[in-house]
Amino acid sequence: MFDRFTMEDRVVMVFAMQEAQELGHRGLGNDHLILGMLGNARSPLFALLGEQGLTLETAREAVV
């Protein structure tokens, strides 16, 4: 499955899995994927979400 992912997609997935684990969540959900996007400052998604006022800290608070 991951063989079709770009390197950027893989980085987002790694960050998302780390966030889920750190929050003590068993599964990986959309909320963790958004956290993963916000965890990679080089990603265009990071900039796009930031333009909408979303930060990693505020997103974590919402997930918790």
PDB file of N, CA and C in Angstrom:
ATOM      1  N   MET A   1       0.812  -1.182   0.000  1.00  0.00           N
ATOM      2  CA  MET A   1       0.000   0.000   0.000  1.00  0.00           C
ATOM      3  C   MET A   1       0.864   1.258   0.000  1.00  0.00           C
ATOM      4  N   PHE A   2       1.847   1.317   0.857  1.00  0.00           N
ATOM      5  CA  PHE A   2       2.672   2.515   0.974  1.00  0.00           C
ATOM      6  C   PHE A   2       3.602   2.712  -0.214  1.00  0.00           C
ATOM      7  N   ASP A   3       3.744   1.702  -1.049  1.00  0.00           N
ATOM      8  CA  ASP A   3       4.633   1.830  -2.197  1.00  0.00           C
ATOM      9  C   ASP A   3       4.113   2.843  -3.211  1.00  0.00           C
ATOM     10  N   ARG A   4       2.829   3.165  -3.153  1.00  0.00           N
ATOM     11  CA  ARG A   4       2.260   4.162  -4.058  1.00  0.00           C
ATOM     12  C   ARG A   4       2.371   5.582  -3.505  1.00  0.00           C
ATOM     13  N   PHE A   5       2.755   5.709  -2.248  1.00  0.00           N
ATOM     14  CA  PHE A   5       2.850   7.017  -1.610  1.00  0.00           C
ATOM     15  C   PHE A   5       4.112   7.739  -2.050  1.00  0.00           C
ATOM     16  N   THR A   6       4.007   9.059  -2.153  1.00  0.00           N
ATOM     17  CA  THR A   6       5.196   9.869  -2.393  1.00  0.00           C
ATOM     18  C   THR A   6       5.966   9.961  -1.081  1.00  0.00           C
ATOM     19  N   MET A   7       7.180  10.467  -1.157  1.00  0.00           N
ATOM     20  CA  MET A   7       7.977  10.638   0.063  1.00  0.00           C
ATOM     21  C   MET A   7       7.258  11.580   1.032  1.00  0.00           C
ATOM     22  N   GLU A   8       6.656  12.623   0.496  1.00  0.00           N
ATOM     23  CA  GLU A   8       5.920  13.567   1.346  1.00  0.00           C
ATOM     24  C   GLU A   8       4.745  12.886   2.041  1.00  0.00           C
ATOM     25  N   ASP A   9       4.029  12.031   1.314  1.00  0.00           N
ATOM     26  CA  ASP A   9       2.921  11.285   1.911  1.00  0.00           C
ATOM     27  C   ASP A   9       3.412  10.393   3.043  1.00  0.00           C
ATOM     28  N   ARG A  10       4.529   9.766   2.834  1.00  0.00           N
ATOM     29  CA  ARG A  10       5.093   8.887   3.865  1.00  0.00           C
ATOM     30  C   ARG A  10       5.471   9.669   5.112  1.00  0.00           C
ATOM     31  N   VAL A  11       6.025  10.855   4.921  1.00  0.00           N
ATOM     32  CA  VAL A  11       6.394  11.696   6.068  1.00  0.00           C
ATOM     33  C   VAL A  11       5.148  12.063   6.860  1.00  0.00           C
ATOM     34  N   VAL A  12       4.081  12.435   6.171  1.00  0.00           N
ATOM     35  CA  VAL A  12       2.819  12.761   6.841  1.00  0.00           C
ATOM     36  C   VAL A  12       2.313  11.561   7.626  1.00  0.00           C
ATOM     37  N   MET A  13       2.383  10.377   7.036  1.00  0.00           N
ATOM     38  CA  MET A  13       1.916   9.173   7.726  1.00  0.00           C
ATOM     39  C   MET A  13       2.737   8.878   8.972  1.00  0.00           C
ATOM     40  N   VAL A  14       4.047   9.050   8.884  1.00  0.00           N
ATOM     41  CA  VAL A  14       4.911   8.814  10.040  1.00  0.00           C
ATOM     42  C   VAL A  14       4.556   9.783  11.161  1.00  0.00           C
ATOM     43  N   PHE A  15       4.405  11.064  10.824  1.00  0.00           N
ATOM     44  CA  PHE A  15       4.026  12.052  11.838  1.00  0.00           C
ATOM     45  C   PHE A  15       2.654  11.727  12.420  1.00  0.00           C
ATOM     46  N   ALA A  16       1.716  11.324  11.579  1.00  0.00           N
ATOM     47  CA  ALA A  16       0.370  10.994  12.038  1.00  0.00           C
ATOM     48  C   ALA A  16       0.389   9.806  12.997  1.00  0.00           C
ATOM     49  N   MET A  17       1.161   8.785  12.669  1.00  0.00           N
ATOM     50  CA  MET A  17       1.260   7.615  13.553  1.00  0.00           C
ATOM     51  C   MET A  17       1.910   7.982  14.885  1.00  0.00           C
ATOM     52  N   GLN A  18       2.906   8.857  14.842  1.00  0.00           N
ATOM     53  CA  GLN A  18       3.552   9.307  16.078  1.00  0.00           C
ATOM     54  C   GLN A  18       2.567  10.085  16.951  1.00  0.00           C
ATOM     55  N   GLU A  19       1.796  10.948  16.319  1.00  0.00           N
ATOM     56  CA  GLU A  19       0.808  11.728  17.074  1.00  0.00           C
ATOM     57  C   GLU A  19      -0.217  10.814  17.726  1.00  0.00           C
ATOM     58  N   ALA A  20      -0.725   9.843  16.987  1.00  0.00           N
ATOM     59  CA  ALA A  20      -1.709   8.908  17.540  1.00  0.00           C
ATOM     60  C   ALA A  20      -1.122   8.155  18.722  1.00  0.00           C
ATOM     61  N   GLN A  21       0.106   7.708  18.566  1.00  0.00           N
ATOM     62  CA  GLN A  21       0.753   6.958  19.643  1.00  0.00           C
ATOM     63  C   GLN A  21       0.965   7.841  20.872  1.00  0.00           C
ATOM     64  N   GLU A  22       1.446   9.062  20.664  1.00  0.00           N
ATOM     65  CA  GLU A  22       1.694   9.964  21.789  1.00  0.00           C
ATOM     66  C   GLU A  22       0.406  10.339  22.518  1.00  0.00           C
ATOM     67  N   LEU A  23      -0.712  10.361  21.791  1.00  0.00           N
ATOM     68  CA  LEU A  23      -1.999  10.674  22.405  1.00  0.00           C
ATOM     69  C   LEU A  23      -2.653   9.447  23.032  1.00  0.00           C
ATOM     70  N   GLY A  24      -2.024   8.284  22.849  1.00  0.00           N
ATOM     71  CA  GLY A  24      -2.560   7.057  23.420  1.00  0.00           C
ATOM     72  C   GLY A  24      -3.745   6.495  22.653  1.00  0.00           C
ATOM     73  N   HIS A  25      -3.871   6.875  21.386  1.00  0.00           N
ATOM     74  CA  HIS A  25      -4.972   6.388  20.563  1.00  0.00           C
ATOM     75  C   HIS A  25      -4.551   5.130  19.819  1.00  0.00           C
ATOM     76  N   ARG A  26      -5.432   4.173  19.767  1.00  0.00           N
ATOM     77  CA  ARG A  26      -5.108   2.889  19.129  1.00  0.00           C
ATOM     78  C   ARG A  26      -5.172   2.946  17.613  1.00  0.00           C
ATOM     79  N   GLY A  27      -6.097   3.722  17.097  1.00  0.00           N
ATOM     80  CA  GLY A  27      -6.282   3.790  15.657  1.00  0.00           C
ATOM     81  C   GLY A  27      -5.750   5.088  15.077  1.00  0.00           C
ATOM     82  N   LEU A  28      -5.714   5.112  13.768  1.00  0.00           N
ATOM     83  CA  LEU A  28      -5.254   6.286  13.046  1.00  0.00           C
ATOM     84  C   LEU A  28      -6.462   6.881  12.336  1.00  0.00           C
ATOM     85  N   GLY A  29      -6.782   8.127  12.686  1.00  0.00           N
ATOM     86  CA  GLY A  29      -7.954   8.768  12.096  1.00  0.00           C
ATOM     87  C   GLY A  29      -7.602  10.024  11.329  1.00  0.00           C
ATOM     88  N   ASN A  30      -8.628  10.640  10.788  1.00  0.00           N
ATOM     89  CA  ASN A  30      -8.432  11.881  10.041  1.00  0.00           C
ATOM     90  C   ASN A  30      -7.769  12.956  10.888  1.00  0.00           C
ATOM     91  N   ASP A  31      -8.126  12.983  12.167  1.00  0.00           N
ATOM     92  CA  ASP A  31      -7.530  13.975  13.054  1.00  0.00           C
ATOM     93  C   ASP A  31      -6.014  13.795  13.151  1.00  0.00           C
ATOM     94  N   HIS A  32      -5.566  12.564  13.180  1.00  0.00           N
ATOM     95  CA  HIS A  32      -4.123  12.302  13.248  1.00  0.00           C
ATOM     96  C   HIS A  32      -3.436  12.667  11.930  1.00  0.00           C
ATOM     97  N   LEU A  33      -4.143  12.458  10.818  1.00  0.00           N
ATOM     98  CA  LEU A  33      -3.582  12.836   9.520  1.00  0.00           C
ATOM     99  C   LEU A  33      -3.397  14.348   9.428  1.00  0.00           C
ATOM    100  N   ILE A  34      -4.351  15.098   9.957  1.00  0.00           N
ATOM    101  CA  ILE A  34      -4.200  16.556   9.966  1.00  0.00           C
ATOM    102  C   ILE A  34      -3.018  16.950  10.842  1.00  0.00           C
ATOM    103  N   LEU A  35      -2.872  16.301  11.978  1.00  0.00           N
ATOM    104  CA  LEU A  35      -1.706  16.569  12.829  1.00  0.00           C
ATOM    105  C   LEU A  35      -0.421  16.227  12.086  1.00  0.00           C
ATOM    106  N   GLY A  36      -0.446  15.140  11.335  1.00  0.00           N
ATOM    107  CA  GLY A  36       0.715  14.762  10.538  1.00  0.00           C
ATOM    108  C   GLY A  36       1.055  15.806   9.490  1.00  0.00           C
ATOM    109  N   MET A  37       0.036  16.382   8.865  1.00  0.00           N
ATOM    110  CA  MET A  37       0.258  17.442   7.878  1.00  0.00           C
ATOM    111  C   MET A  37       0.874  18.678   8.525  1.00  0.00           C
ATOM    112  N   LEU A  38       0.425  18.959   9.742  1.00  0.00           N
ATOM    113  CA  LEU A  38       0.937  20.133  10.452  1.00  0.00           C
ATOM    114  C   LEU A  38       2.315  19.881  11.059  1.00  0.00           C
ATOM    115  N   GLY A  39       2.733  18.638  11.081  1.00  0.00           N
ATOM    116  CA  GLY A  39       4.035  18.299  11.633  1.00  0.00           C
ATOM    117  C   GLY A  39       5.175  18.431  10.643  1.00  0.00           C
ATOM    118  N   ASN A  40       4.848  18.648   9.377  1.00  0.00           N
ATOM    119  CA  ASN A  40       5.865  18.740   8.334  1.00  0.00           C
ATOM    120  C   ASN A  40       5.868  20.155   7.755  1.00  0.00           C
ATOM    121  N   ALA A  41       6.726  21.006   8.266  1.00  0.00           N
ATOM    122  CA  ALA A  41       6.767  22.409   7.849  1.00  0.00           C
ATOM    123  C   ALA A  41       7.163  22.582   6.383  1.00  0.00           C
ATOM    124  N   ARG A  42       7.723  21.571   5.766  1.00  0.00           N
ATOM    125  CA  ARG A  42       8.110  21.661   4.350  1.00  0.00           C
ATOM    126  C   ARG A  42       6.956  21.361   3.408  1.00  0.00           C
ATOM    127  N   SER A  43       5.879  20.846   3.938  1.00  0.00           N
ATOM    128  CA  SER A  43       4.745  20.443   3.115  1.00  0.00           C
ATOM    129  C   SER A  43       3.903  21.643   2.703  1.00  0.00           C
ATOM    130  N   PRO A  44       3.418  21.656   1.455  1.00  0.00           N
ATOM    131  CA  PRO A  44       2.481  22.712   1.051  1.00  0.00           C
ATOM    132  C   PRO A  44       1.197  22.681   1.886  1.00  0.00           C
ATOM    133  N   LEU A  45       0.849  21.493   2.386  1.00  0.00           N
ATOM    134  CA  LEU A  45      -0.341  21.379   3.238  1.00  0.00           C
ATOM    135  C   LEU A  45      -0.160  22.136   4.540  1.00  0.00           C
ATOM    136  N   PHE A  46       1.063  22.147   5.056  1.00  0.00           N
ATOM    137  CA  PHE A  46       1.375  22.897   6.268  1.00  0.00           C
ATOM    138  C   PHE A  46       1.042  24.369   6.052  1.00  0.00           C
ATOM    139  N   ALA A  47       1.503  24.923   4.949  1.00  0.00           N
ATOM    140  CA  ALA A  47       1.265  26.331   4.643  1.00  0.00           C
ATOM    141  C   ALA A  47      -0.227  26.594   4.433  1.00  0.00           C
ATOM    142  N   LEU A  48      -0.896  25.706   3.721  1.00  0.00           N
ATOM    143  CA  LEU A  48      -2.317  25.873   3.443  1.00  0.00           C
ATOM    144  C   LEU A  48      -3.139  25.870   4.731  1.00  0.00           C
ATOM    145  N   LEU A  49      -2.868  24.925   5.599  1.00  0.00           N
ATOM    146  CA  LEU A  49      -3.589  24.865   6.873  1.00  0.00           C
ATOM    147  C   LEU A  49      -3.244  26.051   7.753  1.00  0.00           C
ATOM    148  N   GLY A  50      -1.991  26.467   7.715  1.00  0.00           N
ATOM    149  CA  GLY A  50      -1.567  27.635   8.488  1.00  0.00           C
ATOM    150  C   GLY A  50      -2.259  28.901   8.027  1.00  0.00           C
ATOM    151  N   GLU A  51      -2.465  29.034   6.723  1.00  0.00           N
ATOM    152  CA  GLU A  51      -3.175  30.193   6.183  1.00  0.00           C
ATOM    153  C   GLU A  51      -4.611  30.260   6.702  1.00  0.00           C
ATOM    154  N   GLN A  52      -5.153  29.110   7.049  1.00  0.00           N
ATOM    155  CA  GLN A  52      -6.508  29.040   7.599  1.00  0.00           C
ATOM    156  C   GLN A  52      -6.519  29.221   9.115  1.00  0.00           C
ATOM    157  N   GLY A  53      -5.336  29.469   9.685  1.00  0.00           N
ATOM    158  CA  GLY A  53      -5.237  29.717  11.119  1.00  0.00           C
ATOM    159  C   GLY A  53      -5.032  28.487  11.970  1.00  0.00           C
ATOM    160  N   LEU A  54      -4.796  27.341  11.354  1.00  0.00           N
ATOM    161  CA  LEU A  54      -4.616  26.108  12.113  1.00  0.00           C
ATOM    162  C   LEU A  54      -3.135  25.878  12.401  1.00  0.00           C
ATOM    163  N   THR A  55      -2.837  25.624  13.648  1.00  0.00           N
ATOM    164  CA  THR A  55      -1.459  25.308  14.050  1.00  0.00           C
ATOM    165  C   THR A  55      -1.440  23.921  14.669  1.00  0.00           C
ATOM    166  N   LEU A  56      -0.255  23.363  14.793  1.00  0.00           N
ATOM    167  CA  LEU A  56      -0.123  22.043  15.400  1.00  0.00           C
ATOM    168  C   LEU A  56      -0.653  22.060  16.830  1.00  0.00           C
ATOM    169  N   GLU A  57      -0.340  23.111  17.560  1.00  0.00           N
ATOM    170  CA  GLU A  57      -0.765  23.192  18.959  1.00  0.00           C
ATOM    171  C   GLU A  57      -2.289  23.252  19.090  1.00  0.00           C
ATOM    172  N   THR A  58      -2.924  24.108  18.282  1.00  0.00           N
ATOM    173  CA  THR A  58      -4.387  24.211  18.376  1.00  0.00           C
ATOM    174  C   THR A  58      -5.075  22.944  17.885  1.00  0.00           C
ATOM    175  N   ALA A  59      -4.498  22.302  16.884  1.00  0.00           N
ATOM    176  CA  ALA A  59      -5.071  21.061  16.378  1.00  0.00           C
ATOM    177  C   ALA A  59      -4.947  19.957  17.423  1.00  0.00           C
ATOM    178  N   ARG A  60      -3.813  19.899  18.119  1.00  0.00           N
ATOM    179  CA  ARG A  60      -3.648  18.894  19.184  1.00  0.00           C
ATOM    180  C   ARG A  60      -4.687  19.099  20.270  1.00  0.00           C
ATOM    181  N   GLU A  61      -4.891  20.367  20.651  1.00  0.00           N
ATOM    182  CA  GLU A  61      -5.887  20.658  21.684  1.00  0.00           C
ATOM    183  C   GLU A  61      -7.266  20.188  21.259  1.00  0.00           C
ATOM    184  N   ALA A  62      -7.605  20.392  19.992  1.00  0.00           N
ATOM    185  CA  ALA A  62      -8.904  19.959  19.486  1.00  0.00           C
ATOM    186  C   ALA A  62      -9.053  18.449  19.504  1.00  0.00           C
ATOM    187  N   VAL A  63      -7.975  17.737  19.199  1.00  0.00           N
ATOM    188  CA  VAL A  63      -8.010  16.279  19.170  1.00  0.00           C
ATOM    189  C   VAL A  63      -8.160  15.731  20.588  1.00  0.00           C
ATOM    190  N   VAL A  64      -7.453  16.333  21.515  1.00  0.00           N
ATOM    191  CA  VAL A  64      -7.527  15.883  22.909  1.00  0.00           C
ATOM    192  C   VAL A  64      -8.913  16.158  23.448  1.00  0.00           C
TER     193      VAL A  64
END
